[in-house]
Protein backbone atom coordinates (compact mmCIF):
# COMPACT_ATOMS: atom_id res chain seq x y z
CA UNK A 1 -28.93 16.23 -11.50
CA UNK A 2 -25.39 16.00 -10.63
CA UNK A 3 -22.64 18.30 -8.23
CA UNK A 4 -19.17 18.91 -8.89
CA UNK A 5 -16.88 19.04 -5.37
CA UNK A 6 -13.48 20.18 -6.35
CA UNK A 7 -11.58 19.62 -3.09
CA UNK A 8 -7.97 20.07 -2.20
CA UNK A 9 -7.41 16.01 -3.34
CA UNK A 10 -9.17 16.21 -6.44
CA UNK A 11 -12.76 15.99 -7.70
CA UNK A 12 -15.92 14.32 -6.83
CA UNK A 13 -18.78 14.37 -9.12
CA UNK A 14 -21.99 13.02 -7.18
CA UNK A 15 -25.36 12.41 -8.54
CA UNK A 16 -28.94 13.77 -6.59
CA UNK A 17 -31.91 11.54 -5.74
CA UNK A 18 -33.94 14.28 -6.05
CA UNK A 19 -37.15 12.00 -6.53
CA UNK A 20 -36.60 10.20 -3.21
CA UNK A 21 -34.81 13.28 -1.45
CA UNK A 22 -36.50 16.44 -2.97
CA UNK A 23 -36.31 18.63 0.26
CA UNK A 24 -32.74 17.59 1.03
CA UNK A 25 -31.24 17.54 -2.64
CA UNK A 26 -32.89 21.31 -2.89
CA UNK A 27 -31.11 22.07 0.40
CA UNK A 28 -27.73 20.58 -0.69
CA UNK A 29 -27.96 22.27 -3.95
CA UNK A 30 -28.99 25.88 -3.08
CA UNK A 31 -25.85 25.77 -0.36
CA UNK A 32 -23.38 24.65 -3.29
CA UNK A 33 -25.07 27.91 -5.18
CA UNK A 34 -24.41 30.15 -2.65
CA UNK A 35 -21.06 28.67 -2.02
CA UNK A 36 -21.59 28.30 1.68
CA UNK A 37 -19.56 24.97 1.80
CA UNK A 38 -16.59 26.64 -0.13
CA UNK A 39 -13.14 26.20 1.87
CA UNK A 40 -15.18 24.02 4.62
CA UNK A 41 -13.10 20.85 5.64
CA UNK A 42 -13.55 17.26 5.59
CA UNK A 43 -13.59 17.46 9.53
CA UNK A 44 -13.94 13.88 10.35
CA UNK A 45 -12.75 10.89 8.65
CA UNK A 46 -12.33 7.19 9.35
CA UNK A 47 -10.94 5.09 7.37
CA UNK A 48 -12.95 2.26 6.30
CA UNK A 49 -16.11 4.03 7.07
CA UNK A 50 -17.03 7.94 6.54
CA UNK A 51 -15.70 10.97 5.25
CA UNK A 52 -17.53 14.08 6.87
CA UNK A 53 -17.83 17.70 5.82
CA UNK A 54 -20.04 20.48 5.51
CA UNK A 55 -19.45 21.98 9.14
CA UNK A 56 -17.46 25.62 8.34
CA UNK A 57 -16.58 25.94 12.00
CA UNK A 58 -14.89 22.42 11.40
CA UNK A 59 -16.13 21.00 15.17
CA UNK A 60 -18.79 18.82 13.79
CA UNK A 61 -21.70 21.03 15.91
CA UNK A 62 -22.27 23.93 12.92
CA UNK A 63 -24.04 24.60 10.06
CA UNK A 64 -27.39 25.46 8.88
CA UNK A 65 -29.71 24.75 6.27
CA UNK A 66 -30.67 27.36 3.49
CA UNK A 67 -33.77 28.16 4.87
CA UNK A 68 -32.40 29.02 8.12
CA UNK A 69 -29.52 30.88 6.17
CA UNK A 70 -31.75 32.72 4.15
CA UNK A 71 -34.59 33.79 6.78
CA UNK A 72 -31.86 34.23 9.87
CA UNK A 73 -34.57 32.66 11.99
CA UNK A 74 -32.42 30.18 14.05
CA UNK A 75 -35.87 27.67 14.38
CA UNK A 76 -35.16 27.01 10.70
CA UNK A 77 -31.76 26.25 11.45
CA UNK A 78 -32.30 22.60 10.76
CA UNK A 79 -35.19 20.40 8.43
CA UNK A 80 -36.84 16.98 9.28
CA UNK A 81 -34.83 14.42 7.78
CA UNK A 82 -36.06 12.47 4.85
CA UNK A 83 -35.23 8.99 5.74
CA UNK A 84 -36.69 6.46 2.85
CA UNK A 85 -35.91 2.86 3.92
CA UNK A 86 -35.75 1.49 0.37
CA UNK A 87 -32.10 3.61 -0.22
CA UNK A 88 -29.69 1.42 1.55
CA UNK A 89 -25.80 2.12 2.41
CA UNK A 90 -24.50 -0.54 0.60
CA UNK A 91 -22.64 1.02 -2.10
CA UNK A 92 -18.84 2.96 -1.60
CA UNK A 93 -19.52 6.09 -2.20
CA UNK A 94 -23.23 6.66 -0.68
CA UNK A 95 -23.89 10.41 0.24
CA UNK A 96 -26.08 10.94 3.14
CA UNK A 97 -26.99 14.18 5.43
CA UNK A 98 -25.68 14.14 9.13
CA UNK A 99 -28.53 14.11 11.58
CA UNK A 100 -28.93 16.04 14.63
CA UNK A 101 -30.67 15.28 17.47
CA UNK A 102 -31.36 18.55 18.21
CA UNK A 103 -34.93 20.39 17.08
CA UNK A 104 -38.48 19.98 18.09
CA UNK A 105 -39.93 16.73 19.73
CA UNK A 106 -42.14 15.82 16.60
CA UNK A 107 -39.05 15.97 14.80
CA UNK A 108 -36.56 14.32 16.57
CA UNK A 109 -39.37 11.42 16.45
CA UNK A 110 -39.54 11.70 13.15
CA UNK A 111 -35.87 10.62 12.32
CA UNK A 112 -33.82 13.85 13.59
CA UNK A 113 -33.12 17.21 11.72
CA UNK A 114 -30.59 17.78 9.15
CA UNK A 115 -28.61 20.92 8.38
CA UNK A 116 -25.85 21.78 5.99
CA UNK A 117 -23.14 18.67 7.61
CA UNK A 118 -23.04 15.52 4.83
CA UNK A 119 -21.41 12.62 5.04
CA UNK A 120 -19.88 10.11 2.05
CA UNK A 121 -19.01 6.46 2.88
CA UNK A 122 -16.16 4.85 2.29
CA UNK A 123 -16.67 0.95 2.28
CA UNK A 124 -19.34 -1.32 0.84
CA UNK A 125 -22.34 -2.61 3.07
CA UNK A 126 -22.61 -0.31 5.80
CA UNK A 127 -26.18 -1.17 6.10
CA UNK A 128 -26.35 -0.70 9.79
CA UNK A 129 -26.59 3.19 9.06
CA UNK A 130 -29.57 2.61 7.11
CA UNK A 131 -33.07 3.84 8.24
CA UNK A 132 -30.90 6.43 10.23
CA UNK A 133 -29.70 8.85 7.92
CA UNK A 134 -31.11 10.99 4.88
CA UNK A 135 -29.52 8.94 1.44
CA UNK A 136 -29.76 11.59 -1.33
CA UNK A 137 -27.02 10.98 -3.60
CA UNK A 138 -24.32 8.70 -4.72
CA UNK A 139 -20.47 9.59 -5.70
CA UNK A 140 -20.19 8.34 -9.90
CA UNK A 141 -16.49 9.97 -10.34
CA UNK A 142 -13.78 10.41 -8.00
CA UNK A 143 -13.10 7.61 -6.46
CA UNK A 144 -9.61 7.92 -6.23
CA UNK A 145 -10.34 11.13 -4.24
CA UNK A 146 -12.28 8.67 -1.76
CA UNK A 147 -8.98 6.50 -1.69
CA UNK A 148 -6.83 9.72 -0.33
CA UNK A 149 -9.93 10.37 2.19
CA UNK A 150 -9.49 6.71 3.54
CA UNK A 151 -5.66 6.64 3.73
CA UNK A 152 -5.48 10.52 5.42
CA UNK A 153 -3.66 10.27 8.69
CA UNK A 154 -6.08 11.56 11.64
CA UNK A 155 -5.64 12.52 15.04
CA UNK A 156 -7.87 10.52 18.28
CA UNK A 157 -11.05 12.44 17.28
CA UNK A 158 -10.73 11.57 13.66
CA UNK A 159 -9.70 14.97 11.89
CA UNK A 160 -7.09 14.92 9.20
CA UNK A 161 -3.67 16.22 10.37
CA UNK A 162 -3.48 17.69 6.77
CA UNK A 163 -6.54 19.69 5.69
CA UNK A 164 -8.69 18.05 2.75
CA UNK A 165 -11.30 20.89 2.25
CA UNK A 166 -13.57 21.64 -0.99
CA UNK A 167 -12.53 24.61 -3.02
CA UNK A 168 -15.72 24.86 -5.19
CA UNK A 169 -19.10 23.18 -5.59
CA UNK A 170 -20.32 23.42 -9.09
CA UNK A 171 -23.75 22.80 -10.38
CA UNK A 172 -23.63 20.13 -13.18
CA UNK A 173 -27.88 20.48 -13.26
CA UNK A 174 -30.13 22.13 -10.45
CA UNK A 175 -34.13 21.45 -11.41
CA UNK A 176 -34.91 23.33 -8.37
CA UNK A 177 -36.44 27.13 -8.38
CA UNK A 178 -34.71 29.24 -5.80
CA UNK A 179 -36.24 30.04 -2.41
CA UNK A 180 -37.36 33.55 -2.01
CA UNK A 181 -34.87 35.93 -0.55
CA UNK A 182 -32.04 33.66 -1.69
CA UNK A 183 -29.03 35.93 -3.09
CA UNK A 184 -26.24 34.19 -5.26
CA UNK A 185 -22.71 35.90 -4.92
CA UNK A 186 -21.00 37.03 -8.02
CA UNK A 187 -17.37 35.44 -6.99
CA UNK A 188 -16.37 32.55 -4.40
CA UNK A 189 -16.14 34.82 -0.54
CA UNK A 190 -12.77 34.91 1.06
CA UNK A 191 -12.49 32.44 4.14
CA UNK A 192 -13.52 34.41 7.28
CA UNK A 193 -11.34 34.62 10.46
CA UNK A 194 -13.27 31.59 11.83
CA UNK A 195 -12.50 29.45 9.22
CA UNK A 196 -8.82 30.08 8.77
CA UNK A 197 -8.62 29.58 12.36
CA UNK A 198 -9.29 26.17 11.36
CA UNK A 199 -6.31 25.75 9.12
CA UNK A 200 -3.73 23.06 10.23
CA UNK A 201 -1.42 22.22 7.34
CA UNK A 202 -2.49 23.16 4.19
CA UNK A 203 -2.27 21.28 1.02
CA UNK A 204 1.05 22.56 -0.02
CA UNK A 205 2.86 21.97 3.40
CA UNK A 206 4.67 18.75 4.51
CA UNK A 207 2.93 17.08 7.20
CA UNK A 208 6.09 15.53 8.65
CA UNK A 209 7.98 19.20 8.71
CA UNK A 210 5.01 21.07 9.80
CA UNK A 211 5.53 22.93 13.03
CA UNK A 212 3.44 22.17 15.96
CA UNK A 213 2.95 18.54 15.06
CA UNK A 214 4.51 15.68 16.65
CA UNK A 215 6.80 13.76 15.16
CA UNK A 216 6.53 10.48 17.38
CA UNK A 217 2.76 11.20 16.89
CA UNK A 218 2.56 11.35 12.75
CA UNK A 219 5.06 8.13 12.85
CA UNK A 220 2.62 6.26 15.39
CA UNK A 221 -0.07 7.18 12.89
CA UNK A 222 1.88 6.29 9.64
CA UNK A 223 2.94 2.60 11.24
CA UNK A 224 -0.96 2.06 12.63
CA UNK A 225 -2.09 2.74 8.60
CA UNK A 226 1.20 0.75 7.46
CA UNK A 227 -0.27 -1.89 9.94
CA UNK A 228 -3.56 -2.05 8.50
CA UNK A 229 -2.47 -2.17 5.30
CA UNK A 230 -0.58 -5.30 5.66
CA UNK A 231 -3.14 -7.05 7.76
CA UNK A 232 -5.24 -6.41 5.00
CA UNK A 233 -3.00 -7.92 2.49
CA UNK A 234 -2.70 -10.56 4.82
CA UNK A 235 -6.47 -11.63 4.69
CA UNK A 236 -6.48 -11.49 0.97
CA UNK A 237 -3.84 -13.89 0.32
CA UNK A 238 -5.82 -15.96 2.89
CA UNK A 239 -3.30 -15.98 5.89
CA UNK A 240 -5.52 -14.51 8.45
CA UNK A 241 -9.36 -15.21 8.54
CA UNK A 242 -10.21 -11.09 8.85
CA UNK A 243 -7.70 -8.28 8.98
CA UNK A 244 -9.02 -6.96 12.65
CA UNK A 245 -7.75 -10.48 14.44
CA UNK A 246 -6.01 -10.09 17.33
CA UNK A 247 -3.74 -12.70 19.35
CA UNK A 248 -5.50 -14.69 22.34
CA UNK A 249 -5.20 -13.41 25.73
CA UNK A 250 -4.85 -16.26 27.38
CA UNK A 251 -1.47 -17.83 25.76
CA UNK A 252 2.04 -17.21 26.98
CA UNK A 253 4.95 -17.30 24.96
CA UNK A 254 7.92 -18.68 26.58
CA UNK A 255 11.59 -18.49 25.56
CA UNK A 256 15.28 -18.91 26.40
CA UNK A 257 14.49 -22.81 27.79
CA UNK A 258 17.07 -25.50 28.51
CA UNK A 259 17.04 -27.69 25.79
CA UNK A 260 16.11 -30.74 28.40
CA UNK A 261 13.32 -28.65 29.28
CA UNK A 262 9.93 -31.04 28.52
CA UNK A 263 6.44 -30.10 28.12
CA UNK A 264 5.47 -32.01 31.43
CA UNK A 265 7.85 -29.92 33.10
CA UNK A 266 6.28 -26.35 32.06
CA UNK A 267 3.21 -27.64 32.29
CA UNK A 268 3.86 -29.02 36.17
CA UNK A 269 5.46 -25.66 37.04
CA UNK A 270 2.82 -23.14 35.78
CA UNK A 271 0.06 -25.31 36.24
CA UNK A 272 -0.15 -23.51 40.11
CA UNK A 273 -1.48 -20.08 38.16
CA UNK A 274 -4.74 -22.37 37.10
CA UNK A 275 -5.77 -24.79 34.96
CA UNK A 276 -3.67 -25.27 31.23
CA UNK A 277 -5.27 -26.44 28.24
CA UNK A 278 -1.62 -27.09 26.11
CA UNK A 279 2.03 -27.11 27.05
CA UNK A 280 3.75 -27.32 23.91
CA UNK A 281 8.03 -27.01 23.71
CA UNK A 282 8.43 -26.34 20.21
CA UNK A 283 10.58 -28.60 18.34
CA UNK A 284 12.50 -29.15 14.76
CA UNK A 285 10.64 -31.15 12.68
CA UNK A 286 13.70 -33.40 11.90
CA UNK A 287 15.71 -33.53 14.34
CA UNK A 288 13.05 -33.34 17.09
CA UNK A 289 15.06 -31.35 19.11
CA UNK A 290 13.88 -28.40 21.29
CA UNK A 291 14.29 -24.91 19.82
CA UNK A 292 13.97 -23.53 23.60
CA UNK A 293 10.41 -21.73 23.34
CA UNK A 294 7.13 -22.98 23.89
CA UNK A 295 3.54 -21.35 24.01
CA UNK A 296 1.17 -22.60 27.12
CA UNK A 297 -2.77 -21.90 26.96
CA UNK A 298 -4.67 -20.94 29.95
CA UNK A 299 -7.87 -21.92 30.33
CA UNK A 300 -8.45 -18.53 31.90
CA UNK A 301 -7.14 -14.76 30.91
CA UNK A 302 -6.63 -14.27 34.60
CA UNK A 303 -4.30 -17.11 35.00
CA UNK A 304 -2.33 -16.03 31.92
CA UNK A 305 -1.80 -13.10 33.54
CA UNK A 306 -0.34 -13.69 37.02
CA UNK A 307 1.89 -16.32 35.26
CA UNK A 308 2.93 -13.25 33.18
CA UNK A 309 4.15 -11.30 35.96
CA UNK A 310 5.37 -14.03 38.31
CA UNK A 311 7.20 -16.04 36.24
CA UNK A 312 9.46 -13.88 34.15
CA UNK A 313 13.08 -14.31 35.03
CA UNK A 314 12.60 -17.11 36.82
CA UNK A 315 14.76 -19.92 36.74
CA UNK A 316 14.22 -23.10 35.33
CA UNK A 317 16.47 -26.05 34.43
CA UNK A 318 19.56 -24.02 35.34
CA UNK A 319 18.56 -21.31 32.71
CA UNK A 320 16.52 -17.78 33.31
CA UNK A 321 13.68 -18.08 31.03
CA UNK A 322 11.63 -14.91 29.54
CA UNK A 323 7.65 -14.88 29.23
CA UNK A 324 5.51 -12.47 27.16
CA UNK A 325 2.20 -12.33 26.26
CA UNK A 326 1.72 -13.96 22.57
CA UNK A 327 1.39 -12.59 19.44
CA UNK A 328 0.98 -15.76 17.31
CA UNK A 329 -2.74 -16.25 15.89
CA UNK A 330 -1.66 -19.65 13.98
CA UNK A 331 -3.99 -21.18 16.52
CA UNK A 332 -6.87 -18.92 15.61
CA UNK A 333 -5.77 -19.28 11.73
CA UNK A 334 -5.98 -23.28 11.98
CA UNK A 335 -9.34 -23.28 13.54
CA UNK A 336 -10.91 -20.89 11.13
CA UNK A 337 -9.09 -22.99 8.21
CA UNK A 338 -10.27 -26.36 9.71
CA UNK A 339 -13.98 -24.83 10.04
CA UNK A 340 -13.80 -23.66 6.51
CA UNK A 341 -12.73 -26.61 4.89
CA UNK A 342 -15.23 -28.70 6.95
CA UNK A 343 -17.90 -26.15 5.65
CA UNK A 344 -16.86 -26.68 2.15
CA UNK A 345 -17.11 -30.78 2.41
CA UNK A 346 -20.44 -30.60 4.02
CA UNK A 347 -21.49 -28.40 0.79
CA UNK A 348 -20.04 -30.61 -1.39
CA UNK A 349 -18.07 -27.83 -3.13
CA UNK A 350 -14.50 -29.48 -2.45
CA UNK A 351 -12.25 -31.07 -0.27
CA UNK A 352 -9.38 -28.73 -0.06
CA UNK A 353 -9.23 -24.90 1.40
CA UNK A 354 -6.84 -22.62 -1.14
CA UNK A 355 -7.06 -25.04 -3.93
CA UNK A 356 -8.88 -27.31 -6.29
CA UNK A 357 -8.52 -30.68 -4.96
CA UNK A 358 -8.33 -32.15 -8.60
CA UNK A 359 -5.46 -30.12 -9.63
CA UNK A 360 -2.47 -32.05 -10.26
CA UNK A 361 1.48 -30.44 -9.37
CA UNK A 362 3.49 -29.94 -12.46
CA UNK A 363 7.27 -30.83 -12.51
CA UNK A 364 9.29 -30.32 -15.26
CA UNK A 365 10.90 -34.16 -14.27
CA UNK A 366 9.46 -36.74 -12.60
CA UNK A 367 10.76 -39.87 -11.36
CA UNK A 368 8.90 -43.17 -12.02
CA UNK A 369 8.62 -45.56 -9.28
CA UNK A 370 7.60 -48.21 -11.85
CA UNK A 371 10.80 -47.34 -13.85
CA UNK A 372 14.13 -49.12 -12.99
CA UNK A 373 17.77 -47.25 -13.78
CA UNK A 374 18.68 -44.01 -13.90
CA UNK A 375 15.38 -42.32 -12.31
CA UNK A 376 14.93 -44.40 -9.48
CA UNK A 377 18.51 -45.50 -8.23
CA UNK A 378 21.00 -42.48 -8.10
CA UNK A 379 18.42 -39.74 -8.63
CA UNK A 380 19.50 -38.91 -11.84
CA UNK A 381 16.67 -38.44 -14.62
CA UNK A 382 16.23 -40.43 -17.88
CA UNK A 383 16.00 -38.97 -21.17
CA UNK A 384 18.79 -36.89 -20.45
CA UNK A 385 21.46 -36.62 -23.29
CA UNK A 386 25.29 -36.25 -23.49
CA UNK A 387 26.72 -38.01 -20.70
CA UNK A 388 28.47 -41.36 -22.12
CA UNK A 389 26.14 -44.44 -22.15
CA UNK A 390 23.62 -46.59 -20.15
CA UNK A 391 24.03 -48.13 -17.56
CA UNK A 392 23.01 -51.84 -16.57
CA UNK A 393 20.59 -52.20 -14.07
CA UNK A 394 22.31 -53.65 -11.10
CA UNK A 395 25.80 -53.64 -12.72
CA UNK A 396 28.00 -50.45 -12.80
CA UNK A 397 29.35 -51.62 -15.89
CA UNK A 398 28.51 -49.03 -18.85
CA UNK A 399 26.92 -50.75 -22.15
CA UNK A 400 27.79 -49.15 -25.22
CA UNK A 401 25.21 -48.52 -28.02
CA UNK A 402 24.13 -51.60 -30.06
CA UNK A 403 24.60 -52.13 -33.47
CA UNK A 404 25.94 -48.65 -34.14
CA UNK A 405 23.08 -46.68 -35.96
CA UNK A 406 20.25 -48.00 -37.82
CA UNK A 407 17.74 -45.47 -40.25
CA UNK A 408 14.87 -45.47 -37.94
CA UNK A 409 12.34 -42.54 -38.75
CA UNK A 410 15.26 -40.59 -39.98
CA UNK A 411 16.55 -40.72 -36.28
CA UNK A 412 19.55 -42.60 -34.48
CA UNK A 413 18.06 -45.70 -31.99
CA UNK A 414 19.53 -46.73 -29.25
CA UNK A 415 19.60 -49.92 -26.90
CA UNK A 416 16.87 -49.64 -24.01
CA UNK A 417 16.41 -52.02 -20.85
CA UNK A 418 13.56 -53.80 -21.38
CA UNK A 419 11.99 -52.61 -17.87
CA UNK A 420 11.33 -49.11 -19.90
CA UNK A 421 9.77 -50.62 -22.69
CA UNK A 422 5.79 -50.11 -22.81
CA UNK A 423 3.33 -53.14 -23.29
CA UNK A 424 1.73 -51.42 -26.53
CA UNK A 425 5.34 -51.86 -28.40
CA UNK A 426 6.16 -55.20 -27.21
CA UNK A 427 4.91 -56.77 -30.72
CA UNK A 428 6.65 -54.33 -32.94
CA UNK A 429 10.35 -55.44 -30.80
CA UNK A 430 12.80 -58.00 -31.67
CA UNK A 431 14.69 -58.95 -28.24
CA UNK A 432 18.44 -59.82 -28.25
CA UNK A 433 20.66 -61.10 -25.07
CA UNK A 434 24.01 -59.25 -24.93
CA UNK A 435 26.77 -60.45 -22.57
CA UNK A 436 29.83 -58.12 -21.20
CA UNK A 437 32.17 -60.11 -19.06
CA UNK A 438 29.62 -61.72 -16.39
CA UNK A 439 27.14 -59.18 -16.62
CA UNK A 440 24.16 -60.24 -18.93
CA UNK A 441 21.71 -57.41 -20.02
CA UNK A 442 18.64 -57.74 -22.25
CA UNK A 443 18.62 -55.25 -24.97
CA UNK A 444 16.19 -54.43 -27.63
CA UNK A 445 15.56 -52.99 -31.15
CA UNK A 446 12.85 -50.94 -31.65
CA UNK A 447 11.27 -51.73 -35.22
CA UNK A 448 9.70 -49.46 -37.98
């Protein structure tokens, strides 16, 4: 039992739970069959939460059930909700009926009533909706359309600036008989005048250039969406504990400091506004010189606000400082990382955060602390060919290759400093002492 929703953003296929919510599914299927949903818009879209549709008035207050539509009786506009506690909003694309508080007292006590409005979840694990709304289906195709709904730019009432409307509802399977008195139109009805009045920006129109939309408002919505996406990326790579993190409200950022200003100087000056937890002038790690800005953490938010209003542009050490609220979350992030690391260690799952403690960083060349010669003295690497000879340890006198060439495994051999020879080949070598000028070097020849 499935339904195909053709929308201006793409197609969505919904599988219905006809055995778990039969009356709700019957109502939904018959409303689709009489083309009740045609031209209705997704009038409420909240990113990461839900996309709601099914109201011809686009106000969130309209719509009625198939039973009220057939009979014309206002008392049958709604029907009691069918809430199954076994069904959960734990998957993205869960389809539920919106619930109204209207109706008789008995219906309200039983969990509310439903009409024509429904919503689709745009995130996983929205379990706080369980037991409050009738779950009657699940999206099985068209998750790219849910992505478009999730990314839609909306106003302060969560109405998309650019309309996303239902064009057609096609029944792929209908197990229910039509209610008595139901009339199925031969073709899709034209939009009513009231529906046309709800049009904002059509699917073929550009949201940025549409007359009547404030460009600043559009730009603000675009920036907010971009900021959410960037925060989510930082959360995914581990730079933020969670995307919705906000800077602490009790920390001040102070800049334009004199390089001679010290931590204790700032702490003494700002302590008049309240207790200070920490005061740190940021310094260069190598030179220790002041970078001329600092962070001051107060014990209370009110003390921080008072210091902000009274200390901006104040003269300290012949410099007029600038004070603002800190936008850094480094302290929060550091505390979160340390807490996660402590949990990992306590659980015995590792001692490092973000990587495996047993991994060894790979380097193309490694300097050996045990070796003496090119790798340890002047920073050059051993086993590098083509730069003329080998220097003796402790001497700048070059040594030519000893003994010309010797057939050794089909290759040339060369003199090697005794310190570079491993113990495993000690039994296969014969040592020779060669003197050059005043320098004396011990050389070896590897035998095969």
